[in-house]
Amino acid sequence: LAMAAPLIGIMPATKKLNQTDAEAKASELAAGHFQQRSRTQEEADKSQMKSQIGRSMRLHPGEIPPEATQAMEDGTLTRRSLLSSFKQSRQTPIVNQVNQLTMPEALQVWSKADDDEKEKLRPVMQLKIRRSFGTMPRADFEALRPKLEESGLIPRM
């Protein structure tokens, strides 16, 4: 039925209509992190293979897709790359997107997240805070502190 719907003029809703405010913000911000250079055919093929392996892992949890084994054997993908695909396959898209963002960008997503999304995002946000504290200039982190406190991600001082 879903495949026949477009044939009679019923089109699925656009992704934007199905996204929550936080998902839309995460998508918008993550899009800015994509490389703006053209890819070689080999890079495009590798990216497509990683996506396909990730989809297989999501659809069949606990199973190693045959294409993953083949990619490792022929050297197309590294073990590290496959582990990354495996990790991403176990997370929601919004978590994967927030992982790519800077701390200030991640806070923008957090501010639009509903309670369920915040529950999923809390571990990645707390990890981001710990990493940011060690890598951001102190003045930048202190400028974020009020927003972090307001969000409930760190205790008020």
C-alpha atoms as a PDB file:
ATOM      1  CA  LEU A   1       0.000   0.000   0.000  1.00  0.00           C
ATOM      2  CA  ALA A   2       2.789   2.453   0.894  1.00  0.00           C
ATOM      3  CA  MET A   3       4.465   1.811  -2.452  1.00  0.00           C
ATOM      4  CA  ALA A   4       1.242   2.341  -4.379  1.00  0.00           C
ATOM      5  CA  ALA A   5       0.253   5.576  -2.611  1.00  0.00           C
ATOM      6  CA  PRO A   6       2.421   7.883  -4.774  1.00  0.00           C
ATOM      7  CA  LEU A   7       0.907   6.318  -7.890  1.00  0.00           C
ATOM      8  CA  ILE A   8      -2.517   7.662  -6.911  1.00  0.00           C
ATOM      9  CA  GLY A   9      -1.215  11.045  -5.787  1.00  0.00           C
ATOM     10  CA  ILE A  10      -0.688  10.432  -2.065  1.00  0.00           C
ATOM     11  CA  MET A  11       2.781  11.611  -1.173  1.00  0.00           C
ATOM     12  CA  PRO A  12       4.495  11.057   2.169  1.00  0.00           C
ATOM     13  CA  ALA A  13       4.979  14.056   4.409  1.00  0.00           C
ATOM     14  CA  THR A  14       8.315  15.785   4.053  1.00  0.00           C
ATOM     15  CA  LYS A  15      10.969  15.020   6.631  1.00  0.00           C
ATOM     16  CA  LYS A  16      10.644  18.541   8.001  1.00  0.00           C
ATOM     17  CA  LEU A  17       6.969  17.994   8.874  1.00  0.00           C
ATOM     18  CA  ASN A  18       7.777  14.784  10.753  1.00  0.00           C
ATOM     19  CA  GLN A  19      10.666  16.227  12.759  1.00  0.00           C
ATOM     20  CA  THR A  20      10.445  17.675  16.229  1.00  0.00           C
ATOM     21  CA  ASP A  21      11.852  21.166  16.773  1.00  0.00           C
ATOM     22  CA  ALA A  22      15.019  19.662  18.279  1.00  0.00           C
ATOM     23  CA  GLU A  23      15.489  17.227  15.379  1.00  0.00           C
ATOM     24  CA  ALA A  24      15.063  20.042  12.868  1.00  0.00           C
ATOM     25  CA  LYS A  25      17.605  22.222  14.718  1.00  0.00           C
ATOM     26  CA  ALA A  26      20.074  19.317  14.983  1.00  0.00           C
ATOM     27  CA  SER A  27      19.707  18.586  11.256  1.00  0.00           C
ATOM     28  CA  GLU A  28      20.207  22.236  10.362  1.00  0.00           C
ATOM     29  CA  LEU A  29      23.324  22.597  12.528  1.00  0.00           C
ATOM     30  CA  ALA A  30      24.815  19.215  11.558  1.00  0.00           C
ATOM     31  CA  ALA A  31      24.425  20.079   7.867  1.00  0.00           C
ATOM     32  CA  GLY A  32      26.859  22.926   8.428  1.00  0.00           C
ATOM     33  CA  HIS A  33      29.514  20.424   9.504  1.00  0.00           C
ATOM     34  CA  PHE A  34      29.513  18.431   6.258  1.00  0.00           C
ATOM     35  CA  GLN A  35      32.580  18.855   4.122  1.00  0.00           C
ATOM     36  CA  GLN A  36      31.936  21.375   1.399  1.00  0.00           C
ATOM     37  CA  ARG A  37      34.391  19.823  -1.056  1.00  0.00           C
ATOM     38  CA  SER A  38      33.552  17.372  -3.780  1.00  0.00           C
ATOM     39  CA  ARG A  39      34.197  13.699  -3.071  1.00  0.00           C
ATOM     40  CA  THR A  40      35.938  11.200  -5.257  1.00  0.00           C
ATOM     41  CA  GLN A  41      33.919   8.242  -6.499  1.00  0.00           C
ATOM     42  CA  GLU A  42      35.878   6.045  -4.071  1.00  0.00           C
ATOM     43  CA  GLU A  43      34.955   8.294  -1.117  1.00  0.00           C
ATOM     44  CA  ALA A  44      31.308   8.322  -2.194  1.00  0.00           C
ATOM     45  CA  ASP A  45      31.269   4.524  -2.524  1.00  0.00           C
ATOM     46  CA  LYS A  46      32.845   4.120   0.915  1.00  0.00           C
ATOM     47  CA  SER A  47      30.303   6.487   2.461  1.00  0.00           C
ATOM     48  CA  GLN A  48      27.442   4.644   0.801  1.00  0.00           C
ATOM     49  CA  MET A  49      28.814   1.304   2.034  1.00  0.00           C
ATOM     50  CA  LYS A  50      29.075   2.617   5.607  1.00  0.00           C
ATOM     51  CA  SER A  51      25.472   3.841   5.420  1.00  0.00           C
ATOM     52  CA  GLN A  52      24.286   0.496   4.093  1.00  0.00           C
ATOM     53  CA  ILE A  53      26.149  -1.376   6.832  1.00  0.00           C
ATOM     54  CA  GLY A  54      24.666   0.955   9.463  1.00  0.00           C
ATOM     55  CA  ARG A  55      21.137   0.343   8.127  1.00  0.00           C
ATOM     56  CA  SER A  56      21.713  -3.418   8.183  1.00  0.00           C
ATOM     57  CA  MET A  57      22.935  -3.204  11.767  1.00  0.00           C
ATOM     58  CA  ARG A  58      19.846  -1.210  12.811  1.00  0.00           C
ATOM     59  CA  LEU A  59      17.489  -3.647  11.087  1.00  0.00           C
ATOM     60  CA  HIS A  60      19.247  -6.760  12.410  1.00  0.00           C
ATOM     61  CA  PRO A  61      20.715  -5.917  15.846  1.00  0.00           C
ATOM     62  CA  GLY A  62      23.369  -8.321  17.038  1.00  0.00           C
ATOM     63  CA  GLU A  63      24.171  -9.567  13.548  1.00  0.00           C
ATOM     64  CA  ILE A  64      27.286  -8.664  11.615  1.00  0.00           C
ATOM     65  CA  PRO A  65      26.223  -7.854   8.050  1.00  0.00           C
ATOM     66  CA  PRO A  66      28.065  -9.887   5.396  1.00  0.00           C
ATOM     67  CA  GLU A  67      29.057  -6.668   3.623  1.00  0.00           C
ATOM     68  CA  ALA A  68      30.873  -5.540   6.801  1.00  0.00           C
ATOM     69  CA  THR A  69      32.945  -8.706   6.879  1.00  0.00           C
ATOM     70  CA  GLN A  70      33.702  -8.371   3.176  1.00  0.00           C
ATOM     71  CA  ALA A  71      34.662  -4.689   3.527  1.00  0.00           C
ATOM     72  CA  MET A  72      37.147  -5.520   6.280  1.00  0.00           C
ATOM     73  CA  GLU A  73      38.598  -8.462   4.359  1.00  0.00           C
ATOM     74  CA  ASP A  74      39.181  -6.475   1.187  1.00  0.00           C
ATOM     75  CA  GLY A  75      40.460  -3.430   3.096  1.00  0.00           C
ATOM     76  CA  THR A  76      37.676  -1.101   1.943  1.00  0.00           C
ATOM     77  CA  LEU A  77      36.791  -0.161   5.519  1.00  0.00           C
ATOM     78  CA  THR A  78      38.902  -0.247   8.665  1.00  0.00           C
ATOM     79  CA  ARG A  79      37.933  -1.913  11.906  1.00  0.00           C
ATOM     80  CA  ARG A  80      37.667   1.537  13.502  1.00  0.00           C
ATOM     81  CA  SER A  81      35.299   2.703  10.770  1.00  0.00           C
ATOM     82  CA  LEU A  82      33.093  -0.357  11.241  1.00  0.00           C
ATOM     83  CA  LEU A  83      33.053   0.106  15.020  1.00  0.00           C
ATOM     84  CA  SER A  84      31.936   3.689  14.444  1.00  0.00           C
ATOM     85  CA  SER A  85      29.125   2.461  12.176  1.00  0.00           C
ATOM     86  CA  PHE A  86      28.108  -0.068  14.807  1.00  0.00           C
ATOM     87  CA  LYS A  87      28.016   2.594  17.532  1.00  0.00           C
ATOM     88  CA  GLN A  88      25.999   4.965  15.351  1.00  0.00           C
ATOM     89  CA  SER A  89      23.542   2.213  14.445  1.00  0.00           C
ATOM     90  CA  ARG A  90      22.645   1.836  18.119  1.00  0.00           C
ATOM     91  CA  GLN A  91      21.905   5.529  18.648  1.00  0.00           C
ATOM     92  CA  THR A  92      19.052   7.725  17.494  1.00  0.00           C
ATOM     93  CA  PRO A  93      19.701  10.155  14.624  1.00  0.00           C
ATOM     94  CA  ILE A  94      19.432  13.181  16.928  1.00  0.00           C
ATOM     95  CA  VAL A  95      22.100  11.739  19.247  1.00  0.00           C
ATOM     96  CA  ASN A  96      24.398  11.082  16.278  1.00  0.00           C
ATOM     97  CA  GLN A  97      23.882  14.627  15.038  1.00  0.00           C
ATOM     98  CA  VAL A  98      24.471  16.239  18.442  1.00  0.00           C
ATOM     99  CA  ASN A  99      27.706  14.241  18.722  1.00  0.00           C
ATOM    100  CA  GLN A 100      29.012  16.221  15.722  1.00  0.00           C
ATOM    101  CA  LEU A 101      28.088  19.630  17.114  1.00  0.00           C
ATOM    102  CA  THR A 102      30.014  22.112  19.211  1.00  0.00           C
ATOM    103  CA  MET A 103      28.879  22.681  22.781  1.00  0.00           C
ATOM    104  CA  PRO A 104      27.079  25.974  21.965  1.00  0.00           C
ATOM    105  CA  GLU A 105      25.306  24.299  19.025  1.00  0.00           C
ATOM    106  CA  ALA A 106      24.354  21.290  21.133  1.00  0.00           C
ATOM    107  CA  LEU A 107      22.799  23.666  23.679  1.00  0.00           C
ATOM    108  CA  GLN A 108      20.629  25.134  20.925  1.00  0.00           C
ATOM    109  CA  VAL A 109      19.281  21.640  20.215  1.00  0.00           C
ATOM    110  CA  TRP A 110      18.852  20.916  23.949  1.00  0.00           C
ATOM    111  CA  SER A 111      16.761  24.070  24.385  1.00  0.00           C
ATOM    112  CA  LYS A 112      14.280  22.795  21.777  1.00  0.00           C
ATOM    113  CA  ALA A 113      14.229  19.164  22.971  1.00  0.00           C
ATOM    114  CA  ASP A 114      11.194  17.621  24.662  1.00  0.00           C
ATOM    115  CA  ASP A 115      11.552  15.484  27.805  1.00  0.00           C
ATOM    116  CA  ASP A 116      12.029  12.203  25.894  1.00  0.00           C
ATOM    117  CA  GLU A 117      14.710  13.748  23.682  1.00  0.00           C
ATOM    118  CA  LYS A 118      16.463  15.251  26.698  1.00  0.00           C
ATOM    119  CA  GLU A 119      16.571  11.820  28.320  1.00  0.00           C
ATOM    120  CA  LYS A 120      18.332  10.445  25.211  1.00  0.00           C
ATOM    121  CA  LEU A 121      20.591  13.482  24.837  1.00  0.00           C
ATOM    122  CA  ARG A 122      21.636  13.862  28.495  1.00  0.00           C
ATOM    123  CA  PRO A 123      24.591  11.376  28.352  1.00  0.00           C
ATOM    124  CA  VAL A 124      26.044  12.932  25.191  1.00  0.00           C
ATOM    125  CA  MET A 125      25.540  16.437  26.572  1.00  0.00           C
ATOM    126  CA  GLN A 126      27.282  15.553  29.840  1.00  0.00           C
ATOM    127  CA  LEU A 127      30.200  14.042  27.923  1.00  0.00           C
ATOM    128  CA  LYS A 128      30.371  17.178  25.776  1.00  0.00           C
ATOM    129  CA  ILE A 129      30.453  19.339  28.905  1.00  0.00           C
ATOM    130  CA  ARG A 130      33.323  17.323  30.405  1.00  0.00           C
ATOM    131  CA  ARG A 131      35.288  17.489  27.151  1.00  0.00           C
ATOM    132  CA  SER A 132      34.524  21.182  26.633  1.00  0.00           C
ATOM    133  CA  PHE A 133      35.708  22.027  30.132  1.00  0.00           C
ATOM    134  CA  GLY A 134      39.113  20.597  29.268  1.00  0.00           C
ATOM    135  CA  THR A 135      39.414  21.937  25.731  1.00  0.00           C
ATOM    136  CA  MET A 136      37.525  25.245  25.548  1.00  0.00           C
ATOM    137  CA  PRO A 137      39.174  28.458  26.645  1.00  0.00           C
ATOM    138  CA  ARG A 138      38.056  29.093  30.225  1.00  0.00           C
ATOM    139  CA  ALA A 139      36.380  32.394  29.291  1.00  0.00           C
ATOM    140  CA  ASP A 140      34.284  30.652  26.614  1.00  0.00           C
ATOM    141  CA  PHE A 141      33.217  27.929  29.039  1.00  0.00           C
ATOM    142  CA  GLU A 142      32.342  30.498  31.699  1.00  0.00           C
ATOM    143  CA  ALA A 143      30.224  32.363  29.133  1.00  0.00           C
ATOM    144  CA  LEU A 144      28.261  29.123  28.574  1.00  0.00           C
ATOM    145  CA  ARG A 145      27.918  28.378  32.299  1.00  0.00           C
ATOM    146  CA  PRO A 146      24.629  30.291  32.816  1.00  0.00           C
ATOM    147  CA  LYS A 147      22.990  28.403  29.923  1.00  0.00           C
ATOM    148  CA  LEU A 148      24.316  25.085  31.226  1.00  0.00           C
ATOM    149  CA  GLU A 149      23.001  25.854  34.710  1.00  0.00           C
ATOM    150  CA  GLU A 150      19.637  27.021  33.355  1.00  0.00           C
ATOM    151  CA  SER A 151      19.334  23.836  31.312  1.00  0.00           C
ATOM    152  CA  GLY A 152      19.902  21.687  34.400  1.00  0.00           C
ATOM    153  CA  LEU A 153      22.957  20.052  32.832  1.00  0.00           C
ATOM    154  CA  ILE A 154      25.268  21.348  35.561  1.00  0.00           C
ATOM    155  CA  PRO A 155      24.438  22.409  39.140  1.00  0.00           C
ATOM    156  CA  ARG A 156      23.928  26.084  39.877  1.00  0.00           C
ATOM    157  CA  MET A 157      26.837  27.753  41.640  1.00  0.00           C
END
